[in-house]
PDB file of N, CA and C in Angstrom:
ATOM      1  N   MET A   1     -87.269 -24.687  -1.293  1.00  0.00           N
ATOM      2  CA  MET A   1     -87.298 -26.051  -0.800  1.00  0.00           C
ATOM      3  C   MET A   1     -85.857 -26.514  -0.557  1.00  0.00           C
ATOM      4  N   ARG A   2     -85.611 -27.074   0.620  1.00  0.00           N
ATOM      5  CA  ARG A   2     -84.280 -27.570   0.968  1.00  0.00           C
ATOM      6  C   ARG A   2     -84.106 -29.008   0.506  1.00  0.00           C
ATOM      7  N   LYS A   3     -82.944 -29.315   0.028  1.00  0.00           N
ATOM      8  CA  LYS A   3     -82.637 -30.693  -0.368  1.00  0.00           C
ATOM      9  C   LYS A   3     -81.808 -31.323   0.733  1.00  0.00           C
ATOM     10  N   ASN A   4     -82.145 -32.533   1.071  1.00  0.00           N
ATOM     11  CA  ASN A   4     -81.387 -33.266   2.076  1.00  0.00           C
ATOM     12  C   ASN A   4     -80.162 -33.877   1.403  1.00  0.00           C
ATOM     13  N   ARG A   5     -79.001 -33.399   1.741  1.00  0.00           N
ATOM     14  CA  ARG A   5     -77.765 -33.873   1.107  1.00  0.00           C
ATOM     15  C   ARG A   5     -77.136 -35.037   1.859  1.00  0.00           C
ATOM     16  N   ASN A   6     -77.752 -35.489   2.930  1.00  0.00           N
ATOM     17  CA  ASN A   6     -77.214 -36.595   3.716  1.00  0.00           C
ATOM     18  C   ASN A   6     -77.726 -37.951   3.254  1.00  0.00           C
ATOM     19  N   ILE A   7     -78.556 -37.968   2.256  1.00  0.00           N
ATOM     20  CA  ILE A   7     -79.110 -39.233   1.759  1.00  0.00           C
ATOM     21  C   ILE A   7     -78.055 -39.915   0.897  1.00  0.00           C
ATOM     22  N   LYS A   8     -77.739 -41.153   1.246  1.00  0.00           N
ATOM     23  CA  LYS A   8     -76.765 -41.940   0.491  1.00  0.00           C
ATOM     24  C   LYS A   8     -77.518 -42.899  -0.413  1.00  0.00           C
ATOM     25  N   PRO A   9     -77.042 -43.091  -1.648  1.00  0.00           N
ATOM     26  CA  PRO A   9     -77.717 -44.052  -2.525  1.00  0.00           C
ATOM     27  C   PRO A   9     -77.565 -45.471  -1.984  1.00  0.00           C
ATOM     28  N   LYS A  10     -78.612 -46.254  -2.139  1.00  0.00           N
ATOM     29  CA  LYS A  10     -78.561 -47.642  -1.680  1.00  0.00           C
ATOM     30  C   LYS A  10     -77.838 -48.486  -2.721  1.00  0.00           C
ATOM     31  N   LEU A  11     -76.901 -49.292  -2.237  1.00  0.00           N
ATOM     32  CA  LEU A  11     -76.154 -50.192  -3.111  1.00  0.00           C
ATOM     33  C   LEU A  11     -76.770 -51.577  -3.053  1.00  0.00           C
ATOM     34  N   PRO A  12     -76.678 -52.327  -4.137  1.00  0.00           N
ATOM     35  CA  PRO A  12     -77.172 -53.709  -4.097  1.00  0.00           C
ATOM     36  C   PRO A  12     -76.454 -54.519  -3.028  1.00  0.00           C
ATOM     37  N   VAL A  13     -77.124 -55.531  -2.527  1.00  0.00           N
ATOM     38  CA  VAL A  13     -76.580 -56.350  -1.444  1.00  0.00           C
ATOM     39  C   VAL A  13     -75.249 -57.001  -1.825  1.00  0.00           C
ATOM     40  N   GLU A  14     -74.994 -57.232  -3.111  1.00  0.00           N
ATOM     41  CA  GLU A  14     -73.745 -57.853  -3.556  1.00  0.00           C
ATOM     42  C   GLU A  14     -72.532 -57.034  -3.120  1.00  0.00           C
ATOM     43  N   PHE A  15     -72.676 -55.716  -3.119  1.00  0.00           N
ATOM     44  CA  PHE A  15     -71.554 -54.855  -2.769  1.00  0.00           C
ATOM     45  C   PHE A  15     -71.295 -54.837  -1.264  1.00  0.00           C
ATOM     46  N   HIS A  16     -72.331 -55.008  -0.476  1.00  0.00           N
ATOM     47  CA  HIS A  16     -72.166 -55.002   0.974  1.00  0.00           C
ATOM     48  C   HIS A  16     -71.434 -56.244   1.465  1.00  0.00           C
ATOM     49  N   TYR A  17     -71.666 -57.367   0.848  1.00  0.00           N
ATOM     50  CA  TYR A  17     -71.107 -58.633   1.318  1.00  0.00           C
ATOM     51  C   TYR A  17     -70.017 -59.197   0.410  1.00  0.00           C
ATOM     52  N   ASN A  18     -69.572 -58.435  -0.591  1.00  0.00           N
ATOM     53  CA  ASN A  18     -68.554 -58.890  -1.543  1.00  0.00           C
ATOM     54  C   ASN A  18     -68.950 -60.188  -2.235  1.00  0.00           C
ATOM     55  N   LEU A  19     -70.203 -60.317  -2.593  1.00  0.00           N
ATOM     56  CA  LEU A  19     -70.681 -61.514  -3.277  1.00  0.00           C
ATOM     57  C   LEU A  19     -70.272 -61.475  -4.748  1.00  0.00           C
ATOM     58  N   PRO A  20     -69.990 -62.628  -5.335  1.00  0.00           N
ATOM     59  CA  PRO A  20     -69.703 -62.645  -6.770  1.00  0.00           C
ATOM     60  C   PRO A  20     -70.975 -62.365  -7.557  1.00  0.00           C
ATOM     61  N   ILE A  21     -70.816 -61.770  -8.708  1.00  0.00           N
ATOM     62  CA  ILE A  21     -71.936 -61.510  -9.608  1.00  0.00           C
ATOM     63  C   ILE A  21     -71.751 -62.424 -10.810  1.00  0.00           C
ATOM     64  N   ILE A  22     -72.777 -63.223 -11.107  1.00  0.00           N
ATOM     65  CA  ILE A  22     -72.706 -64.175 -12.214  1.00  0.00           C
ATOM     66  C   ILE A  22     -73.800 -63.835 -13.216  1.00  0.00           C
ATOM     67  N   GLU A  23     -73.410 -63.626 -14.469  1.00  0.00           N
ATOM     68  CA  GLU A  23     -74.359 -63.355 -15.543  1.00  0.00           C
ATOM     69  C   GLU A  23     -74.288 -64.491 -16.551  1.00  0.00           C
ATOM     70  N   PHE A  24     -75.436 -65.069 -16.851  1.00  0.00           N
ATOM     71  CA  PHE A  24     -75.509 -66.170 -17.809  1.00  0.00           C
ATOM     72  C   PHE A  24     -76.129 -65.690 -19.111  1.00  0.00           C
ATOM     73  N   THR A  25     -75.614 -66.207 -20.213  1.00  0.00           N
ATOM     74  CA  THR A  25     -76.245 -66.074 -21.514  1.00  0.00           C
ATOM     75  C   THR A  25     -76.653 -67.487 -21.900  1.00  0.00           C
ATOM     76  N   GLY A  26     -77.902 -67.816 -21.580  1.00  0.00           N
ATOM     77  CA  GLY A  26     -78.369 -69.186 -21.762  1.00  0.00           C
ATOM     78  C   GLY A  26     -77.516 -70.126 -20.933  1.00  0.00           C
ATOM     79  N   ASN A  27     -77.197 -71.277 -21.511  1.00  0.00           N
ATOM     80  CA  ASN A  27     -76.277 -72.199 -20.840  1.00  0.00           C
ATOM     81  C   ASN A  27     -74.958 -72.301 -21.614  1.00  0.00           C
ATOM     82  N   ARG A  28     -74.664 -71.266 -22.401  1.00  0.00           N
ATOM     83  CA  ARG A  28     -73.464 -71.280 -23.250  1.00  0.00           C
ATOM     84  C   ARG A  28     -72.369 -70.324 -22.793  1.00  0.00           C
ATOM     85  N   ARG A  29     -72.697 -69.384 -21.899  1.00  0.00           N
ATOM     86  CA  ARG A  29     -71.700 -68.385 -21.499  1.00  0.00           C
ATOM     87  C   ARG A  29     -72.007 -67.909 -20.088  1.00  0.00           C
ATOM     88  N   ALA A  30     -70.969 -67.757 -19.272  1.00  0.00           N
ATOM     89  CA  ALA A  30     -71.122 -67.224 -17.915  1.00  0.00           C
ATOM     90  C   ALA A  30     -70.021 -66.211 -17.660  1.00  0.00           C
ATOM     91  N   LEU A  31     -70.405 -65.061 -17.146  1.00  0.00           N
ATOM     92  CA  LEU A  31     -69.457 -64.034 -16.762  1.00  0.00           C
ATOM     93  C   LEU A  31     -69.459 -63.973 -15.239  1.00  0.00           C
ATOM     94  N   VAL A  32     -68.302 -64.162 -14.622  1.00  0.00           N
ATOM     95  CA  VAL A  32     -68.179 -64.157 -13.168  1.00  0.00           C
ATOM     96  C   VAL A  32     -67.367 -62.934 -12.768  1.00  0.00           C
ATOM     97  N   GLU A  33     -68.014 -61.990 -12.083  1.00  0.00           N
ATOM     98  CA  GLU A  33     -67.321 -60.819 -11.549  1.00  0.00           C
ATOM     99  C   GLU A  33     -67.059 -61.065 -10.071  1.00  0.00           C
ATOM    100  N   GLY A  34     -65.875 -60.721  -9.623  1.00  0.00           N
ATOM    101  CA  GLY A  34     -65.502 -60.957  -8.230  1.00  0.00           C
ATOM    102  C   GLY A  34     -64.650 -62.198  -8.070  1.00  0.00           C
ATOM    103  N   SER A  35     -64.063 -62.660  -9.169  1.00  0.00           N
ATOM    104  CA  SER A  35     -63.198 -63.835  -9.075  1.00  0.00           C
ATOM    105  C   SER A  35     -61.817 -63.434  -8.566  1.00  0.00           C
ATOM    106  N   THR A  36     -61.165 -64.377  -7.907  1.00  0.00           N
ATOM    107  CA  THR A  36     -59.814 -64.116  -7.404  1.00  0.00           C
ATOM    108  C   THR A  36     -58.800 -65.096  -7.979  1.00  0.00           C
ATOM    109  N   GLY A  37     -59.225 -65.954  -8.903  1.00  0.00           N
ATOM    110  CA  GLY A  37     -58.293 -66.874  -9.538  1.00  0.00           C
ATOM    111  C   GLY A  37     -58.975 -68.139 -10.021  1.00  0.00           C
ATOM    112  N   VAL A  38     -58.260 -68.879 -10.844  1.00  0.00           N
ATOM    113  CA  VAL A  38     -58.749 -70.151 -11.382  1.00  0.00           C
ATOM    114  C   VAL A  38     -58.086 -71.270 -10.587  1.00  0.00           C
ATOM    115  N   LEU A  39     -58.895 -72.164 -10.027  1.00  0.00           N
ATOM    116  CA  LEU A  39     -58.378 -73.272  -9.229  1.00  0.00           C
ATOM    117  C   LEU A  39     -58.212 -74.552 -10.041  1.00  0.00           C
ATOM    118  N   ARG A  40     -59.101 -74.774 -11.000  1.00  0.00           N
ATOM    119  CA  ARG A  40     -59.055 -75.979 -11.832  1.00  0.00           C
ATOM    120  C   ARG A  40     -59.610 -75.640 -13.203  1.00  0.00           C
ATOM    121  N   TYR A  41     -58.995 -76.215 -14.241  1.00  0.00           N
ATOM    122  CA  TYR A  41     -59.416 -75.866 -15.594  1.00  0.00           C
ATOM    123  C   TYR A  41     -59.180 -77.025 -16.536  1.00  0.00           C
ATOM    124  N   ASN A  42     -60.259 -77.598 -17.059  1.00  0.00           N
ATOM    125  CA  ASN A  42     -60.194 -78.516 -18.188  1.00  0.00           C
ATOM    126  C   ASN A  42     -61.486 -78.361 -18.971  1.00  0.00           C
ATOM    127  N   ASP A  43     -61.703 -79.177 -20.011  1.00  0.00           N
ATOM    128  CA  ASP A  43     -62.872 -78.951 -20.860  1.00  0.00           C
ATOM    129  C   ASP A  43     -64.187 -79.444 -20.257  1.00  0.00           C
ATOM    130  N   GLU A  44     -64.152 -80.071 -19.077  1.00  0.00           N
ATOM    131  CA  GLU A  44     -65.382 -80.524 -18.412  1.00  0.00           C
ATOM    132  C   GLU A  44     -65.645 -79.827 -17.080  1.00  0.00           C
ATOM    133  N   ILE A  45     -64.601 -79.304 -16.428  1.00  0.00           N
ATOM    134  CA  ILE A  45     -64.749 -78.648 -15.129  1.00  0.00           C
ATOM    135  C   ILE A  45     -63.873 -77.398 -15.078  1.00  0.00           C
ATOM    136  N   ILE A  46     -64.486 -76.283 -14.669  1.00  0.00           N
ATOM    137  CA  ILE A  46     -63.738 -75.062 -14.395  1.00  0.00           C
ATOM    138  C   ILE A  46     -64.131 -74.609 -13.000  1.00  0.00           C
ATOM    139  N   LYS A  47     -63.128 -74.487 -12.128  1.00  0.00           N
ATOM    140  CA  LYS A  47     -63.374 -74.073 -10.747  1.00  0.00           C
ATOM    141  C   LYS A  47     -62.734 -72.706 -10.540  1.00  0.00           C
ATOM    142  N   ILE A  48     -63.574 -71.743 -10.159  1.00  0.00           N
ATOM    143  CA  ILE A  48     -63.157 -70.358  -9.985  1.00  0.00           C
ATOM    144  C   ILE A  48     -63.220 -70.011  -8.504  1.00  0.00           C
ATOM    145  N   ASN A  49     -62.180 -69.390  -7.988  1.00  0.00           N
ATOM    146  CA  ASN A  49     -62.203 -68.915  -6.607  1.00  0.00           C
ATOM    147  C   ASN A  49     -62.803 -67.518  -6.588  1.00  0.00           C
ATOM    148  N   THR A  50     -63.641 -67.236  -5.587  1.00  0.00           N
ATOM    149  CA  THR A  50     -64.203 -65.903  -5.412  1.00  0.00           C
ATOM    150  C   THR A  50     -63.920 -65.445  -3.992  1.00  0.00           C
ATOM    151  N   ARG A  51     -64.246 -64.194  -3.703  1.00  0.00           N
ATOM    152  CA  ARG A  51     -64.027 -63.667  -2.357  1.00  0.00           C
ATOM    153  C   ARG A  51     -64.861 -64.403  -1.320  1.00  0.00           C
ATOM    154  N   MET A  52     -65.958 -65.018  -1.735  1.00  0.00           N
ATOM    155  CA  MET A  52     -66.839 -65.709  -0.810  1.00  0.00           C
ATOM    156  C   MET A  52     -66.523 -67.200  -0.723  1.00  0.00           C
ATOM    157  N   SER A  53     -66.581 -67.896  -1.842  1.00  0.00           N
ATOM    158  CA  SER A  53     -66.323 -69.333  -1.897  1.00  0.00           C
ATOM    159  C   SER A  53     -66.096 -69.740  -3.349  1.00  0.00           C
ATOM    160  N   PRO A  54     -65.533 -70.925  -3.568  1.00  0.00           N
ATOM    161  CA  PRO A  54     -65.298 -71.379  -4.944  1.00  0.00           C
ATOM    162  C   PRO A  54     -66.612 -71.689  -5.691  1.00  0.00           C
ATOM    163  N   LEU A  55     -66.582 -71.474  -7.000  1.00  0.00           N
ATOM    164  CA  LEU A  55     -67.677 -71.829  -7.901  1.00  0.00           C
ATOM    165  C   LEU A  55     -67.155 -72.875  -8.868  1.00  0.00           C
ATOM    166  N   THR A  56     -67.911 -73.938  -9.085  1.00  0.00           N
ATOM    167  CA  THR A  56     -67.512 -74.990 -10.012  1.00  0.00           C
ATOM    168  C   THR A  56     -68.518 -75.057 -11.152  1.00  0.00           C
ATOM    169  N   PHE A  57     -68.040 -74.905 -12.369  1.00  0.00           N
ATOM    170  CA  PHE A  57     -68.858 -75.036 -13.570  1.00  0.00           C
ATOM    171  C   PHE A  57     -68.545 -76.387 -14.188  1.00  0.00           C
ATOM    172  N   LYS A  58     -69.597 -77.154 -14.485  1.00  0.00           N
ATOM    173  CA  LYS A  58     -69.432 -78.460 -15.142  1.00  0.00           C
ATOM    174  C   LYS A  58     -70.169 -78.431 -16.464  1.00  0.00           C
ATOM    175  N   GLY A  59     -69.587 -79.107 -17.456  1.00  0.00           N
ATOM    176  CA  GLY A  59     -70.218 -79.139 -18.763  1.00  0.00           C
ATOM    177  C   GLY A  59     -69.348 -79.830 -19.789  1.00  0.00           C
ATOM    178  N   ARG A  60     -69.564 -79.460 -21.054  1.00  0.00           N
ATOM    179  CA  ARG A  60     -68.810 -80.037 -22.171  1.00  0.00           C
ATOM    180  C   ARG A  60     -68.197 -78.904 -22.990  1.00  0.00           C
ATOM    181  N   GLY A  61     -66.970 -79.103 -23.397  1.00  0.00           N
ATOM    182  CA  GLY A  61     -66.299 -78.110 -24.231  1.00  0.00           C
ATOM    183  C   GLY A  61     -66.118 -76.769 -23.543  1.00  0.00           C
ATOM    184  N   LEU A  62     -65.899 -76.786 -22.236  1.00  0.00           N
ATOM    185  CA  LEU A  62     -65.747 -75.534 -21.499  1.00  0.00           C
ATOM    186  C   LEU A  62     -64.378 -74.917 -21.760  1.00  0.00           C
ATOM    187  N   SER A  63     -64.363 -73.601 -21.837  1.00  0.00           N
ATOM    188  CA  SER A  63     -63.105 -72.872 -21.999  1.00  0.00           C
ATOM    189  C   SER A  63     -63.232 -71.507 -21.338  1.00  0.00           C
ATOM    190  N   ILE A  64     -62.093 -70.947 -21.001  1.00  0.00           N
ATOM    191  CA  ILE A  64     -62.056 -69.585 -20.469  1.00  0.00           C
ATOM    192  C   ILE A  64     -61.763 -68.669 -21.636  1.00  0.00           C
ATOM    193  N   ASN A  65     -62.735 -67.845 -21.963  1.00  0.00           N
ATOM    194  CA  ASN A  65     -62.615 -66.953 -23.108  1.00  0.00           C
ATOM    195  C   ASN A  65     -61.822 -65.699 -22.753  1.00  0.00           C
ATOM    196  N   CYS A  66     -62.032 -65.180 -21.549  1.00  0.00           N
ATOM    197  CA  CYS A  66     -61.374 -63.956 -21.133  1.00  0.00           C
ATOM    198  C   CYS A  66     -61.140 -64.014 -19.629  1.00  0.00           C
ATOM    199  N   ILE A  67     -60.001 -63.516 -19.182  1.00  0.00           N
ATOM    200  CA  ILE A  67     -59.697 -63.521 -17.759  1.00  0.00           C
ATOM    201  C   ILE A  67     -58.998 -62.215 -17.408  1.00  0.00           C
ATOM    202  N   SER A  68     -59.399 -61.647 -16.269  1.00  0.00           N
ATOM    203  CA  SER A  68     -58.757 -60.449 -15.737  1.00  0.00           C
ATOM    204  C   SER A  68     -58.606 -60.658 -14.233  1.00  0.00           C
ATOM    205  N   PRO A  69     -58.001 -59.745 -13.520  1.00  0.00           N
ATOM    206  CA  PRO A  69     -57.826 -59.950 -12.075  1.00  0.00           C
ATOM    207  C   PRO A  69     -59.129 -60.138 -11.295  1.00  0.00           C
ATOM    208  N   THR A  70     -60.259 -59.633 -11.807  1.00  0.00           N
ATOM    209  CA  THR A  70     -61.519 -59.764 -11.067  1.00  0.00           C
ATOM    210  C   THR A  70     -62.670 -60.348 -11.878  1.00  0.00           C
ATOM    211  N   CYS A  71     -62.425 -60.752 -13.116  1.00  0.00           N
ATOM    212  CA  CYS A  71     -63.514 -61.211 -13.980  1.00  0.00           C
ATOM    213  C   CYS A  71     -63.061 -62.396 -14.838  1.00  0.00           C
ATOM    214  N   VAL A  72     -63.961 -63.368 -15.021  1.00  0.00           N
ATOM    215  CA  VAL A  72     -63.693 -64.527 -15.865  1.00  0.00           C
ATOM    216  C   VAL A  72     -64.917 -64.767 -16.746  1.00  0.00           C
ATOM    217  N   ILE A  73     -64.695 -65.043 -18.017  1.00  0.00           N
ATOM    218  CA  ILE A  73     -65.779 -65.420 -18.925  1.00  0.00           C
ATOM    219  C   ILE A  73     -65.577 -66.873 -19.333  1.00  0.00           C
ATOM    220  N   ILE A  74     -66.590 -67.696 -19.055  1.00  0.00           N
ATOM    221  CA  ILE A  74     -66.546 -69.123 -19.367  1.00  0.00           C
ATOM    222  C   ILE A  74     -67.518 -69.381 -20.509  1.00  0.00           C
ATOM    223  N   GLU A  75     -67.056 -70.137 -21.508  1.00  0.00           N
ATOM    224  CA  GLU A  75     -67.912 -70.496 -22.632  1.00  0.00           C
ATOM    225  C   GLU A  75     -67.901 -71.996 -22.830  1.00  0.00           C
ATOM    226  N   GLY A  76     -68.966 -72.510 -23.408  1.00  0.00           N
ATOM    227  CA  GLY A  76     -69.136 -73.928 -23.658  1.00  0.00           C
ATOM    228  C   GLY A  76     -70.559 -74.324 -23.309  1.00  0.00           C
ATOM    229  N   PHE A  77     -70.792 -75.609 -23.180  1.00  0.00           N
ATOM    230  CA  PHE A  77     -72.118 -76.127 -22.830  1.00  0.00           C
ATOM    231  C   PHE A  77     -72.149 -76.341 -21.314  1.00  0.00           C
ATOM    232  N   ILE A  78     -72.721 -75.386 -20.562  1.00  0.00           N
ATOM    233  CA  ILE A  78     -72.735 -75.434 -19.105  1.00  0.00           C
ATOM    234  C   ILE A  78     -73.923 -76.262 -18.648  1.00  0.00           C
ATOM    235  N   ILE A  79     -73.633 -77.326 -17.882  1.00  0.00           N
ATOM    236  CA  ILE A  79     -74.674 -78.228 -17.392  1.00  0.00           C
ATOM    237  C   ILE A  79     -75.012 -77.950 -15.936  1.00  0.00           C
ATOM    238  N   ASN A  80     -73.996 -77.593 -15.146  1.00  0.00           N
ATOM    239  CA  ASN A  80     -74.200 -77.484 -13.699  1.00  0.00           C
ATOM    240  C   ASN A  80     -73.261 -76.415 -13.126  1.00  0.00           C
ATOM    241  N   VAL A  81     -73.752 -75.705 -12.104  1.00  0.00           N
ATOM    242  CA  VAL A  81     -72.920 -74.755 -11.347  1.00  0.00           C
ATOM    243  C   VAL A  81     -73.079 -75.101  -9.882  1.00  0.00           C
ATOM    244  N   GLU A  82     -71.935 -75.281  -9.190  1.00  0.00           N
ATOM    245  CA  GLU A  82     -71.971 -75.622  -7.768  1.00  0.00           C
ATOM    246  C   GLU A  82     -71.346 -74.498  -6.956  1.00  0.00           C
ATOM    247  N   PHE A  83     -71.997 -74.163  -5.864  1.00  0.00           N
ATOM    248  CA  PHE A  83     -71.505 -73.161  -4.933  1.00  0.00           C
ATOM    249  C   PHE A  83     -70.982 -73.905  -3.703  1.00  0.00           C
ATOM    250  N   ALA A  84     -69.683 -73.834  -3.465  1.00  0.00           N
ATOM    251  CA  ALA A  84     -69.102 -74.488  -2.283  1.00  0.00           C
ATOM    252  C   ALA A  84     -69.305 -73.575  -1.085  1.00  0.00           C
ATOM    253  N   GLY A  85     -69.629 -74.150   0.035  1.00  0.00           N
ATOM    254  CA  GLY A  85     -69.884 -73.325   1.212  1.00  0.00           C
ATOM    255  C   GLY A  85     -69.016 -73.696   2.274  1.00  0.00           C
TER     256      GLY A  85
END
C-alpha cells in the first residue's frame, strides 16, 4: 500500500490569519498569545496590542502576572473584554 506523502496537516484558522489566542480561567485569569505589547495598564483597564487589533480588559484589581514578547497573562477580576476593530 502506498502512502500519500503530499498531504499537509491542517492548521487551525488562528494560524492562517495571525489571530490572537485567548485562554480564560473563569473570570480571574486570561492568557493572551499573539500580543505585540502593552498599550495601557492600570488596576481597572489593561489594553494589549495584538497582530490583528487591540484587546481591552476591564475589571477590578487587574495586574499583569507574566509578560513575554508574544504572550501576556492578566490576573484579577475580569468583567469585560473588548475587541477593537
